[in-house]
């Protein structure tokens, strides 16, 4: 896959050189144009971390993906530009659930001009621009995140209050995308996995992040959150296409209908549990 094709995919029209300005611009454009989504998992399709399969899906077919796919794709783009990129192991909610969480996420560390940056396209409502790897608060678009150093090579990212997760830990030893293949297979196929039980799509825009959970669209802003239930399949299809940039033709001839029915069953289960 060429750099030109990847830049075209995200609509980047400026220069592409390994400097801070380009890093911020590419991370922002990737987050806003490559949706965080698990629709292949919902449709029972296999998820591959093979580089050719990823570029076909994310670039040629203009789809999105979940954390492992997102950060593998972003790493490929940044490396083509000339950035020094390390993929690292992470654990969402390790603070609460301890070491079993290691490997359920990954992130990227960028070494640039003697400084390190945390990049991550794999949290749906996560930060839009890379964060300097230094302890303390980091504010973007009205949201405040916090980085905490736990050990010499281990850090904790604290999400903003009200986000979809509270935190994740990451350690700086470099890993390869293939190292996460087994955990990705587990999370994309296990009946207990939230990626299997819940349709999830997210895309940040200017001033807010949109999140679709089954049939409910949530909008996160610095000053609060709102939600709206999608009423019918036509609205569902329009929401996927317009708000989340999903190319409906790639879902197959019956893909939208299957996803709509599956999301409805998930909503029904949530309502039943809330009554119990």
C-alpha atoms as a PDB file:
ATOM      1  CA  UNK A   1       0.000   0.000   0.000  1.00  0.00           C
ATOM      2  CA  UNK A   2       1.408   3.377  -0.992  1.00  0.00           C
ATOM      3  CA  UNK A   3       1.626   6.434   1.193  1.00  0.00           C
ATOM      4  CA  UNK A   4      -0.367   8.370  -1.392  1.00  0.00           C
ATOM      5  CA  UNK A   5      -3.253   5.908  -1.139  1.00  0.00           C
ATOM      6  CA  UNK A   6      -3.312   6.078   2.657  1.00  0.00           C
ATOM      7  CA  UNK A   7      -3.189   9.871   2.692  1.00  0.00           C
ATOM      8  CA  UNK A   8      -6.013   9.975   0.152  1.00  0.00           C
ATOM      9  CA  UNK A   9      -8.044   7.600   2.347  1.00  0.00           C
ATOM     10  CA  UNK A  10      -8.019  10.035   5.249  1.00  0.00           C
ATOM     11  CA  UNK A  11      -8.241  13.191   3.131  1.00  0.00           C
ATOM     12  CA  UNK A  12      -4.880  14.602   4.164  1.00  0.00           C
ATOM     13  CA  UNK A  13      -3.787  17.259   1.695  1.00  0.00           C
ATOM     14  CA  UNK A  14      -0.917  18.935   3.494  1.00  0.00           C
ATOM     15  CA  UNK A  15       2.703  17.944   3.736  1.00  0.00           C
ATOM     16  CA  UNK A  16       3.625  14.532   5.101  1.00  0.00           C
ATOM     17  CA  UNK A  17       6.987  14.715   6.831  1.00  0.00           C
ATOM     18  CA  UNK A  18       7.962  13.166  10.191  1.00  0.00           C
ATOM     19  CA  UNK A  19       7.419  16.220  12.381  1.00  0.00           C
ATOM     20  CA  UNK A  20       5.039  17.188  15.165  1.00  0.00           C
ATOM     21  CA  UNK A  21       2.646  19.127  12.935  1.00  0.00           C
ATOM     22  CA  UNK A  22       2.213  16.177  10.598  1.00  0.00           C
ATOM     23  CA  UNK A  23       1.843  13.705  13.470  1.00  0.00           C
ATOM     24  CA  UNK A  24      -0.994  15.704  14.991  1.00  0.00           C
ATOM     25  CA  UNK A  25      -2.687  16.229  11.625  1.00  0.00           C
ATOM     26  CA  UNK A  26      -2.527  12.568  10.584  1.00  0.00           C
ATOM     27  CA  UNK A  27      -3.757  11.290  13.947  1.00  0.00           C
ATOM     28  CA  UNK A  28      -6.659  13.736  13.868  1.00  0.00           C
ATOM     29  CA  UNK A  29      -7.611  12.899  10.285  1.00  0.00           C
ATOM     30  CA  UNK A  30      -7.404   9.151  10.926  1.00  0.00           C
ATOM     31  CA  UNK A  31      -9.622   9.396  13.977  1.00  0.00           C
ATOM     32  CA  UNK A  32     -12.247  11.426  12.116  1.00  0.00           C
ATOM     33  CA  UNK A  33     -12.352   9.452   8.870  1.00  0.00           C
ATOM     34  CA  UNK A  34     -11.677   5.799   9.791  1.00  0.00           C
ATOM     35  CA  UNK A  35     -14.567   4.793  12.046  1.00  0.00           C
ATOM     36  CA  UNK A  36     -14.065   2.655  15.114  1.00  0.00           C
ATOM     37  CA  UNK A  37     -16.449  -0.240  14.451  1.00  0.00           C
ATOM     38  CA  UNK A  38     -17.060  -3.945  14.966  1.00  0.00           C
ATOM     39  CA  UNK A  39     -19.520  -4.621  12.150  1.00  0.00           C
ATOM     40  CA  UNK A  40     -17.569  -7.553  10.701  1.00  0.00           C
ATOM     41  CA  UNK A  41     -17.651  -9.181  14.131  1.00  0.00           C
ATOM     42  CA  UNK A  42     -21.389  -8.575  14.326  1.00  0.00           C
ATOM     43  CA  UNK A  43     -21.807 -10.164  10.884  1.00  0.00           C
ATOM     44  CA  UNK A  44     -19.753 -13.203  11.874  1.00  0.00           C
ATOM     45  CA  UNK A  45     -16.865 -12.365   9.562  1.00  0.00           C
ATOM     46  CA  UNK A  46     -13.275 -13.155  10.593  1.00  0.00           C
ATOM     47  CA  UNK A  47     -10.984 -10.312  11.663  1.00  0.00           C
ATOM     48  CA  UNK A  48      -7.477 -10.444  10.218  1.00  0.00           C
ATOM     49  CA  UNK A  49      -4.439  -8.485  11.375  1.00  0.00           C
ATOM     50  CA  UNK A  50      -2.484  -9.421   8.249  1.00  0.00           C
ATOM     51  CA  UNK A  51      -1.122  -6.168   6.710  1.00  0.00           C
ATOM     52  CA  UNK A  52      -2.552  -6.885   3.246  1.00  0.00           C
ATOM     53  CA  UNK A  53      -5.982  -7.707   4.671  1.00  0.00           C
ATOM     54  CA  UNK A  54      -5.928  -4.571   6.814  1.00  0.00           C
ATOM     55  CA  UNK A  55      -5.002  -2.215   3.994  1.00  0.00           C
ATOM     56  CA  UNK A  56      -7.648  -3.817   1.794  1.00  0.00           C
ATOM     57  CA  UNK A  57     -10.307  -3.280   4.447  1.00  0.00           C
ATOM     58  CA  UNK A  58      -9.294   0.096   5.886  1.00  0.00           C
ATOM     59  CA  UNK A  59      -7.987   1.787   2.743  1.00  0.00           C
ATOM     60  CA  UNK A  60      -9.318   0.214  -0.447  1.00  0.00           C
ATOM     61  CA  UNK A  61     -12.774  -0.655   0.924  1.00  0.00           C
ATOM     62  CA  UNK A  62     -12.857   2.429   3.190  1.00  0.00           C
ATOM     63  CA  UNK A  63     -14.036   0.548   6.270  1.00  0.00           C
ATOM     64  CA  UNK A  64     -13.037   0.941   9.900  1.00  0.00           C
ATOM     65  CA  UNK A  65     -12.210  -1.577  12.570  1.00  0.00           C
ATOM     66  CA  UNK A  66     -11.719  -2.149  16.276  1.00  0.00           C
ATOM     67  CA  UNK A  67      -8.642  -1.488  18.394  1.00  0.00           C
ATOM     68  CA  UNK A  68      -6.150  -3.972  16.938  1.00  0.00           C
ATOM     69  CA  UNK A  69      -7.110  -3.098  13.368  1.00  0.00           C
ATOM     70  CA  UNK A  70      -7.156   0.633  14.021  1.00  0.00           C
ATOM     71  CA  UNK A  71      -3.723   0.892  15.588  1.00  0.00           C
ATOM     72  CA  UNK A  72      -2.125  -1.492  13.098  1.00  0.00           C
ATOM     73  CA  UNK A  73      -3.445   0.671  10.262  1.00  0.00           C
ATOM     74  CA  UNK A  74      -2.393   3.932  11.889  1.00  0.00           C
ATOM     75  CA  UNK A  75       1.079   2.491  12.569  1.00  0.00           C
ATOM     76  CA  UNK A  76       1.451   1.572   8.884  1.00  0.00           C
ATOM     77  CA  UNK A  77       0.574   5.107   7.829  1.00  0.00           C
ATOM     78  CA  UNK A  78       2.946   6.766  10.280  1.00  0.00           C
ATOM     79  CA  UNK A  79       5.806   4.458   9.351  1.00  0.00           C
ATOM     80  CA  UNK A  80       5.307   5.189   5.650  1.00  0.00           C
ATOM     81  CA  UNK A  81       5.684   8.885   6.449  1.00  0.00           C
ATOM     82  CA  UNK A  82       8.939   8.142   8.292  1.00  0.00           C
ATOM     83  CA  UNK A  83       7.942   8.219  11.964  1.00  0.00           C
ATOM     84  CA  UNK A  84       9.582   5.890  14.485  1.00  0.00           C
ATOM     85  CA  UNK A  85       6.607   3.898  15.788  1.00  0.00           C
ATOM     86  CA  UNK A  86       6.450   1.203  18.480  1.00  0.00           C
ATOM     87  CA  UNK A  87       3.306  -0.822  19.055  1.00  0.00           C
ATOM     88  CA  UNK A  88       2.896  -1.606  22.753  1.00  0.00           C
ATOM     89  CA  UNK A  89       0.709  -3.885  24.830  1.00  0.00           C
ATOM     90  CA  UNK A  90      -2.115  -2.351  26.815  1.00  0.00           C
ATOM     91  CA  UNK A  91      -4.812  -3.493  29.214  1.00  0.00           C
ATOM     92  CA  UNK A  92      -8.185  -1.741  29.357  1.00  0.00           C
ATOM     93  CA  UNK A  93      -9.526  -1.619  32.928  1.00  0.00           C
ATOM     94  CA  UNK A  94      -6.425  -3.301  34.366  1.00  0.00           C
ATOM     95  CA  UNK A  95      -6.730  -0.926  37.336  1.00  0.00           C
ATOM     96  CA  UNK A  96      -9.968  -2.671  38.304  1.00  0.00           C
ATOM     97  CA  UNK A  97      -9.434  -6.175  36.927  1.00  0.00           C
ATOM     98  CA  UNK A  98      -5.664  -6.628  37.271  1.00  0.00           C
ATOM     99  CA  UNK A  99      -3.200  -8.473  35.042  1.00  0.00           C
ATOM    100  CA  UNK A 100      -5.691 -10.631  33.140  1.00  0.00           C
ATOM    101  CA  UNK A 101      -6.501  -7.503  31.163  1.00  0.00           C
ATOM    102  CA  UNK A 102      -3.047  -7.255  29.563  1.00  0.00           C
ATOM    103  CA  UNK A 103      -3.297  -7.671  25.807  1.00  0.00           C
ATOM    104  CA  UNK A 104      -6.963  -6.744  25.421  1.00  0.00           C
ATOM    105  CA  UNK A 105      -5.787  -3.508  23.789  1.00  0.00           C
ATOM    106  CA  UNK A 106      -2.703  -2.009  22.215  1.00  0.00           C
ATOM    107  CA  UNK A 107      -1.391   1.499  21.615  1.00  0.00           C
ATOM    108  CA  UNK A 108       1.405   3.290  19.760  1.00  0.00           C
ATOM    109  CA  UNK A 109       4.448   5.161  21.041  1.00  0.00           C
ATOM    110  CA  UNK A 110       6.007   7.678  18.666  1.00  0.00           C
ATOM    111  CA  UNK A 111       9.637   8.750  19.184  1.00  0.00           C
ATOM    112  CA  UNK A 112      10.112  12.211  17.717  1.00  0.00           C
ATOM    113  CA  UNK A 113      12.879  14.745  18.288  1.00  0.00           C
ATOM    114  CA  UNK A 114      13.847  13.310  21.665  1.00  0.00           C
ATOM    115  CA  UNK A 115      10.268  13.144  22.948  1.00  0.00           C
ATOM    116  CA  UNK A 116       7.695  10.368  23.058  1.00  0.00           C
ATOM    117  CA  UNK A 117       4.007  10.606  22.183  1.00  0.00           C
ATOM    118  CA  UNK A 118       1.084   8.293  22.912  1.00  0.00           C
ATOM    119  CA  UNK A 119      -1.035   7.633  19.826  1.00  0.00           C
ATOM    120  CA  UNK A 120      -4.187   5.537  19.899  1.00  0.00           C
ATOM    121  CA  UNK A 121      -7.047   5.155  17.425  1.00  0.00           C
ATOM    122  CA  UNK A 122      -8.427   2.114  19.223  1.00  0.00           C
ATOM    123  CA  UNK A 123     -10.685   3.708  21.843  1.00  0.00           C
ATOM    124  CA  UNK A 124     -13.891   4.833  20.181  1.00  0.00           C
ATOM    125  CA  UNK A 125     -14.355   7.962  22.263  1.00  0.00           C
ATOM    126  CA  UNK A 126     -10.641   8.430  22.906  1.00  0.00           C
ATOM    127  CA  UNK A 127      -8.391  11.422  22.301  1.00  0.00           C
ATOM    128  CA  UNK A 128      -8.259  12.885  18.805  1.00  0.00           C
ATOM    129  CA  UNK A 129      -4.651  14.102  18.825  1.00  0.00           C
ATOM    130  CA  UNK A 130      -1.583  12.286  20.182  1.00  0.00           C
ATOM    131  CA  UNK A 131      -0.644  13.012  23.789  1.00  0.00           C
ATOM    132  CA  UNK A 132       2.886  13.815  24.988  1.00  0.00           C
ATOM    133  CA  UNK A 133       4.167  10.961  27.142  1.00  0.00           C
ATOM    134  CA  UNK A 134       4.524  12.907  30.367  1.00  0.00           C
ATOM    135  CA  UNK A 135       2.720  12.660  33.671  1.00  0.00           C
ATOM    136  CA  UNK A 136      -0.188  14.941  34.412  1.00  0.00           C
ATOM    137  CA  UNK A 137      -3.342  16.262  32.769  1.00  0.00           C
ATOM    138  CA  UNK A 138      -3.717  16.746  29.016  1.00  0.00           C
ATOM    139  CA  UNK A 139      -6.680  18.735  27.686  1.00  0.00           C
ATOM    140  CA  UNK A 140      -8.121  18.491  24.177  1.00  0.00           C
ATOM    141  CA  UNK A 141     -11.390  19.971  22.975  1.00  0.00           C
ATOM    142  CA  UNK A 142     -12.652  20.543  26.500  1.00  0.00           C
ATOM    143  CA  UNK A 143     -11.912  16.970  27.631  1.00  0.00           C
ATOM    144  CA  UNK A 144      -9.153  16.362  30.176  1.00  0.00           C
ATOM    145  CA  UNK A 145      -7.168  13.138  30.196  1.00  0.00           C
ATOM    146  CA  UNK A 146      -4.480  12.103  32.676  1.00  0.00           C
ATOM    147  CA  UNK A 147      -1.267  10.119  32.280  1.00  0.00           C
ATOM    148  CA  UNK A 148       0.150   8.409  35.369  1.00  0.00           C
ATOM    149  CA  UNK A 149       3.501   6.623  35.503  1.00  0.00           C
ATOM    150  CA  UNK A 150       3.210   3.340  37.409  1.00  0.00           C
ATOM    151  CA  UNK A 151       6.762   2.031  36.926  1.00  0.00           C
ATOM    152  CA  UNK A 152       9.789   2.754  34.777  1.00  0.00           C
ATOM    153  CA  UNK A 153       8.135   1.245  31.681  1.00  0.00           C
ATOM    154  CA  UNK A 154       4.454   1.101  32.688  1.00  0.00           C
ATOM    155  CA  UNK A 155       1.899   3.901  32.403  1.00  0.00           C
ATOM    156  CA  UNK A 156      -1.803   4.415  33.038  1.00  0.00           C
ATOM    157  CA  UNK A 157      -4.052   6.479  30.790  1.00  0.00           C
ATOM    158  CA  UNK A 158      -7.076   7.884  32.628  1.00  0.00           C
ATOM    159  CA  UNK A 159      -9.993   8.736  30.361  1.00  0.00           C
ATOM    160  CA  UNK A 160     -12.160  11.789  30.973  1.00  0.00           C
ATOM    161  CA  UNK A 161     -15.096  11.438  33.413  1.00  0.00           C
ATOM    162  CA  UNK A 162     -18.154   9.908  31.767  1.00  0.00           C
ATOM    163  CA  UNK A 163     -16.216   8.142  29.003  1.00  0.00           C
ATOM    164  CA  UNK A 164     -16.811   4.568  27.873  1.00  0.00           C
ATOM    165  CA  UNK A 165     -13.838   3.280  29.896  1.00  0.00           C
ATOM    166  CA  UNK A 166     -12.142   4.590  33.022  1.00  0.00           C
ATOM    167  CA  UNK A 167      -8.538   3.802  32.132  1.00  0.00           C
ATOM    168  CA  UNK A 168      -6.042   1.553  30.457  1.00  0.00           C
ATOM    169  CA  UNK A 169      -2.465   0.630  31.294  1.00  0.00           C
ATOM    170  CA  UNK A 170       0.331   0.242  28.769  1.00  0.00           C
ATOM    171  CA  UNK A 171       3.953  -0.847  28.935  1.00  0.00           C
ATOM    172  CA  UNK A 172       6.686   0.375  26.656  1.00  0.00           C
ATOM    173  CA  UNK A 173       8.245  -2.878  25.448  1.00  0.00           C
ATOM    174  CA  UNK A 174       7.752  -2.956  21.638  1.00  0.00           C
ATOM    175  CA  UNK A 175       5.410  -5.587  20.245  1.00  0.00           C
ATOM    176  CA  UNK A 176       4.218  -6.605  16.780  1.00  0.00           C
ATOM    177  CA  UNK A 177       0.657  -6.600  15.509  1.00  0.00           C
ATOM    178  CA  UNK A 178       0.852 -10.389  15.077  1.00  0.00           C
ATOM    179  CA  UNK A 179       1.448 -10.724  18.837  1.00  0.00           C
ATOM    180  CA  UNK A 180      -2.189  -9.743  19.364  1.00  0.00           C
ATOM    181  CA  UNK A 181      -3.700 -12.187  16.853  1.00  0.00           C
ATOM    182  CA  UNK A 182      -4.747 -14.793  19.425  1.00  0.00           C
ATOM    183  CA  UNK A 183      -6.350 -12.236  21.755  1.00  0.00           C
ATOM    184  CA  UNK A 184      -8.046 -10.575  18.800  1.00  0.00           C
ATOM    185  CA  UNK A 185      -9.512 -13.918  17.742  1.00  0.00           C
ATOM    186  CA  UNK A 186     -10.804 -14.471  21.275  1.00  0.00           C
ATOM    187  CA  UNK A 187     -12.369 -11.022  21.547  1.00  0.00           C
ATOM    188  CA  UNK A 188     -13.910 -11.220  18.080  1.00  0.00           C
ATOM    189  CA  UNK A 189     -15.491 -14.665  18.540  1.00  0.00           C
ATOM    190  CA  UNK A 190     -16.174 -15.366  22.226  1.00  0.00           C
ATOM    191  CA  UNK A 191     -19.887 -15.177  23.147  1.00  0.00           C
ATOM    192  CA  UNK A 192     -18.810 -13.337  26.310  1.00  0.00           C
ATOM    193  CA  UNK A 193     -16.915 -10.611  24.456  1.00  0.00           C
ATOM    194  CA  UNK A 194     -18.540  -7.152  24.379  1.00  0.00           C
ATOM    195  CA  UNK A 195     -17.538  -6.915  20.704  1.00  0.00           C
ATOM    196  CA  UNK A 196     -19.720  -9.945  20.026  1.00  0.00           C
ATOM    197  CA  UNK A 197     -22.622  -8.993  22.296  1.00  0.00           C
ATOM    198  CA  UNK A 198     -22.893  -5.322  21.285  1.00  0.00           C
ATOM    199  CA  UNK A 199     -22.794  -3.454  17.973  1.00  0.00           C
ATOM    200  CA  UNK A 200     -20.371  -0.564  18.460  1.00  0.00           C
ATOM    201  CA  UNK A 201     -19.393   2.304  16.160  1.00  0.00           C
ATOM    202  CA  UNK A 202     -17.723   5.576  17.122  1.00  0.00           C
ATOM    203  CA  UNK A 203     -16.420   8.601  15.266  1.00  0.00           C
ATOM    204  CA  UNK A 204     -15.156  11.886  16.676  1.00  0.00           C
ATOM    205  CA  UNK A 205     -16.141  15.137  14.964  1.00  0.00           C
ATOM    206  CA  UNK A 206     -15.531  18.776  15.774  1.00  0.00           C
ATOM    207  CA  UNK A 207     -16.560  19.374  19.375  1.00  0.00           C
ATOM    208  CA  UNK A 208     -18.102  15.972  20.030  1.00  0.00           C
ATOM    209  CA  UNK A 209     -17.874  12.217  19.571  1.00  0.00           C
ATOM    210  CA  UNK A 210     -20.700  10.081  18.204  1.00  0.00           C
ATOM    211  CA  UNK A 211     -21.132   6.576  19.589  1.00  0.00           C
ATOM    212  CA  UNK A 212     -23.626   3.982  18.342  1.00  0.00           C
ATOM    213  CA  UNK A 213     -24.430   1.162  20.751  1.00  0.00           C
ATOM    214  CA  UNK A 214     -26.879  -1.270  19.142  1.00  0.00           C
ATOM    215  CA  UNK A 215     -29.748   1.064  18.188  1.00  0.00           C
ATOM    216  CA  UNK A 216     -28.869   4.033  20.396  1.00  0.00           C
ATOM    217  CA  UNK A 217     -26.764   6.983  19.202  1.00  0.00           C
ATOM    218  CA  UNK A 218     -24.967   8.860  21.950  1.00  0.00           C
ATOM    219  CA  UNK A 219     -23.265  12.196  21.534  1.00  0.00           C
ATOM    220  CA  UNK A 220     -20.455  13.059  23.946  1.00  0.00           C
ATOM    221  CA  UNK A 221     -19.520  16.704  24.470  1.00  0.00           C
ATOM    222  CA  UNK A 222     -17.370  18.373  27.076  1.00  0.00           C
ATOM    223  CA  UNK A 223     -20.530  19.856  28.629  1.00  0.00           C
ATOM    224  CA  UNK A 224     -22.580  16.650  28.720  1.00  0.00           C
ATOM    225  CA  UNK A 225     -24.064  13.724  26.848  1.00  0.00           C
ATOM    226  CA  UNK A 226     -27.263  13.126  24.896  1.00  0.00           C
ATOM    227  CA  UNK A 227     -28.786  10.011  23.320  1.00  0.00           C
ATOM    228  CA  UNK A 228     -31.373   9.079  20.719  1.00  0.00           C
ATOM    229  CA  UNK A 229     -32.859   5.712  19.760  1.00  0.00           C
ATOM    230  CA  UNK A 230     -32.958   4.926  16.042  1.00  0.00           C
ATOM    231  CA  UNK A 231     -36.545   4.264  14.980  1.00  0.00           C
ATOM    232  CA  UNK A 232     -36.361   2.101  11.845  1.00  0.00           C
ATOM    233  CA  UNK A 233     -34.016   0.376   9.422  1.00  0.00           C
ATOM    234  CA  UNK A 234     -33.971   3.269   6.938  1.00  0.00           C
ATOM    235  CA  UNK A 235     -32.814   5.635   9.671  1.00  0.00           C
ATOM    236  CA  UNK A 236     -30.302   3.015  10.777  1.00  0.00           C
ATOM    237  CA  UNK A 237     -28.818   2.776   7.274  1.00  0.00           C
ATOM    238  CA  UNK A 238     -28.671   6.557   6.932  1.00  0.00           C
ATOM    239  CA  UNK A 239     -26.967   6.851  10.321  1.00  0.00           C
ATOM    240  CA  UNK A 240     -24.334   4.280   9.371  1.00  0.00           C
ATOM    241  CA  UNK A 241     -23.615   6.001   6.062  1.00  0.00           C
ATOM    242  CA  UNK A 242     -23.810   9.680   6.960  1.00  0.00           C
ATOM    243  CA  UNK A 243     -22.803   9.931  10.597  1.00  0.00           C
ATOM    244  CA  UNK A 244     -20.327   7.052  10.777  1.00  0.00           C
ATOM    245  CA  UNK A 245     -18.965   6.945   7.197  1.00  0.00           C
ATOM    246  CA  UNK A 246     -19.751   3.245   6.719  1.00  0.00           C
ATOM    247  CA  UNK A 247     -19.827   2.141   3.035  1.00  0.00           C
ATOM    248  CA  UNK A 248     -23.041   0.125   3.094  1.00  0.00           C
ATOM    249  CA  UNK A 249     -22.174  -1.878  -0.030  1.00  0.00           C
ATOM    250  CA  UNK A 250     -19.277  -3.491   1.829  1.00  0.00           C
ATOM    251  CA  UNK A 251     -21.690  -4.995   4.354  1.00  0.00           C
ATOM    252  CA  UNK A 252     -23.244  -7.229   1.705  1.00  0.00           C
ATOM    253  CA  UNK A 253     -26.747  -7.239   0.196  1.00  0.00           C
ATOM    254  CA  UNK A 254     -28.428  -8.177   3.469  1.00  0.00           C
ATOM    255  CA  UNK A 255     -25.836  -6.705   5.835  1.00  0.00           C
ATOM    256  CA  UNK A 256     -27.795  -3.672   6.996  1.00  0.00           C
ATOM    257  CA  UNK A 257     -30.896  -5.775   7.650  1.00  0.00           C
ATOM    258  CA  UNK A 258     -28.938  -8.368   9.623  1.00  0.00           C
ATOM    259  CA  UNK A 259     -27.254  -5.685  11.705  1.00  0.00           C
ATOM    260  CA  UNK A 260     -30.584  -3.941  12.350  1.00  0.00           C
ATOM    261  CA  UNK A 261     -32.176  -7.152  13.611  1.00  0.00           C
ATOM    262  CA  UNK A 262     -29.164  -8.039  15.724  1.00  0.00           C
ATOM    263  CA  UNK A 263     -29.051  -4.562  17.261  1.00  0.00           C
ATOM    264  CA  UNK A 264     -32.754  -4.861  18.054  1.00  0.00           C
ATOM    265  CA  UNK A 265     -32.222  -8.128  19.918  1.00  0.00           C
ATOM    266  CA  UNK A 266     -29.419  -6.481  21.885  1.00  0.00           C
ATOM    267  CA  UNK A 267     -31.677  -3.543  22.799  1.00  0.00           C
ATOM    268  CA  UNK A 268     -34.421  -5.927  23.900  1.00  0.00           C
ATOM    269  CA  UNK A 269     -31.960  -7.781  26.137  1.00  0.00           C
ATOM    270  CA  UNK A 270     -30.810  -4.515  27.737  1.00  0.00           C
ATOM    271  CA  UNK A 271     -34.392  -3.504  28.471  1.00  0.00           C
ATOM    272  CA  UNK A 272     -35.198  -6.907  29.969  1.00  0.00           C
ATOM    273  CA  UNK A 273     -32.160  -6.746  32.241  1.00  0.00           C
ATOM    274  CA  UNK A 274     -33.012  -3.221  33.374  1.00  0.00           C
ATOM    275  CA  UNK A 275     -36.431  -4.423  34.547  1.00  0.00           C
ATOM    276  CA  UNK A 276     -35.055  -7.386  36.518  1.00  0.00           C
END
